[in-house]
Each structure stands twice: as C-alpha cells, then as structure tokens.
Amino acid sequence: MSTESTATKPAASPFAMPAMFGAESVQRAMHDGVERSRAFWDEYARLEAQGLAHGRTMVSEGAKMAGETLTYAAQLAAEGRKLSLEATRRTLEMLAPAAR
C-alpha cells in the first residue's frame, strides 16, 4: 500500500491541468491569448500595408525624378550643341576677314 495521498501528487499529464486550475480559467486564458495574437497580427498587417504604400510612393517618385533628370540632361546636351555651334560660327567670322 502506498502511504502517499493522491491529492498532494502533482498532475503527471499536462492535459490534467484544466482539472487542477479550473477549466474556465484555462479556457479564458487560451481565449485571451488568441485575441492578443489576433490583435498583434492585425496591427502587423496594418503596418505592412502602410510600408507597402510608402514603398510604392517612393518608387513612383523615384521614377518621376529619373524622368525629369533625363529631360534636363537632354536640355543641357541641346544647349551644349547650340553653344558649340555658336562658338564655331563666331570663330569663323573672326577669321574670315583676315583670310580675305
């Protein structure tokens, strides 16, 4: 015969825990945990969507800036060609009277 009382023995199985602590409190704790997890993932999804929106805006603004840069580079190149032709024309005008 065993001299130990079954009331003082700890539960051998984790499945026996609801009986030790009360099924309602364990169920409430699990429900609260699920709700906190849901709130966390909802917030995560909101922040993720916000980050994606910012990323799309940055890409769009970057593409706009790249297009404006290309337009400006083309304007500078055209102005450089125009100045080069004007300088060549003036040089020829200065030399032309001396060549006559």
Foldseek 3Di string as FASTA:
>chain_A
DDPDDPVPDDDPDPVCVCVVPPVVVVVVVVVVVVVVVVVVVVVVVVVVVVVVVVVVVVVVVVVVVVVVVVVVVVVVVVVVVVVVVVVVVVVCVVVVVVVD
